[in-house]
Amino acid sequence: MQLQIVFYHTQDVTLSGATGVGGWPAFFETQTLAGVVNASQNFFPQASVVLWGSSHDLVMENEFTSTASVPNPYQPCGNVCSAVYCYGCVAPDELLLYGGTANTVWGNTFRDPAQRDGAFYAGLAEAESGDLIYNNNFSVDNPTVYLPYDIYTDACPDGYAGDCGPAGPFLYSDRWNVTPEGSGLFSGYVNGFSLYGNVLGPACLTQGGNFWSTYGDPLNPIATLPFVNVYNYSEDAALFPAHTSPSQASIRGGGDGAPLTLGACDFAFHEHLRIHESGLPKGTGWSVRFQGGDLLRSKSRALTVAIVAGYVDYAILPPVGYGVARVTGPHATTQSEAFLPDRRSVSLAVKFGVLETLTFTEVLNAHWTGLPSGTEWSVALTASGSGGPVAQTNSTTGTALSFVVPRGAAYSFVVSYPAGYKGSGTHGHLSVPSHALVKAVRFRPEGHV
């Protein structure tokens, strides 16, 4: 897919699942004091995808790849640029955010093109504050570019870009990581999407910041945190004040305090466990707690977690007013354990039901005279079939006892009572309907007719 799009003053928009985002081979750039420079060094970038003056948008799980082979300046370029000669044509950045706030960039991959032709490319141009940018794979020459000017007000269409001042550098303040935690844990909920996982794959069991192609190079030692993407902007040295180093931090405010690395990944084989739910109103939150305490939350119909193959212990936590009627899956799945075979993902289906009251009550008549006052009797509920609800037992010395059970659950029941008595309606099967259910039980002394 080749996609070029501008989100102009939008709110609560999601761009998700686009592959091969790119397609514009070049832009006719505003001429800068430094002349025509590579995209990786361009202080006045354009981009294949632009969020302009937008807020609360989500850019998730897209693949950005710049288009290669832009002509060199002053060479004829046919229909690539609007000019007869490619004077000022450079590759665009892959994503630009300007003038908005509270946007989230998550789970995306930024790549260089396969054929480079000596050019250098850039991933993200972040020209606004208040955004959250994490769990992205920046496998591109310059992951995020240094922006010492306001790319709009300092563009100077009647002169050289960067020559109309005041010069920056502007200090944008954004968040580049969340608190490091297990990749199966819920780390955010944006525009109806639950965010969790590691963009590098299921073998990487933590989440926090981003993967950076420049992390660990001579300008960005691993021991130095937060990561701010120091990059050599030598092509633009003419724009810097005298005696200023061409190596500048692309992230001027804050930085990534928890970069993702391949070295932190566990390449023992992991499987995907996908859990689908039914029975809850749309947008209702539910969660799953795994052995060890990891909690995975969702407000969507499904969630996925990467887990080492074998037996998995978990507990499904319904929202208030609901219970788990049944969990279905392969290998005799229960509501507390599932089995993940090697090299095969597993899906479980969770059926939630509104909690209802199930009452067993003692009924008397001429033939069934009942138990003596104060005599204890009990009822045991067990699931009918695998994956059903947890067993319950309740007892009473009165004439009735109740259970709180999820609608749609199927049970077997057994009523226990003292020796020397006979019972009627004291065992069987039932399914919980969409209203309160009353089951009658009867007792009488043995020999009584």
Foldseek 3Di string as FASTA:
>chain_A
DEAADEAAAEALAEDADAEAHEPQQKEQAFAAPLFAAEQQQDQQFDASYEYEQYALYEYAHYEFEYHADDDDFQDQDPPNYPDRTSGRIYIGAHYEYANYAHYEYALYEYEYDPDHPPGFYEHYEYHAAHYEYFLYEQHGRQDYAAHQARSPPQPPNPDHRLPPDDTGHDAHYYHFWAPKDFQQAFDDAGSQDTDGHHSVDQQQTITIGEAHNCDCPPVHNVVDPDTQRFDQSPSCVVSDPPPDGSTDRRNRHHHGGDYDDPVNGHPQAWAKEKEFEDDDPQQAKWWKAWPVGGIHMHRHGMGIHIGHFFKTFMATGHDPQKDWQFKDWPDLDARTIDGGHTPDYTYIYTYMAGKAKEKEFEDDDPQFHADPQQFKKKKWKDFDGGGGDDIDMDMDSDGMDMDTDGAQHKIWMAMGGDPQKDKDQGTDIDGHHPHYHYGYMTMDGPPGD
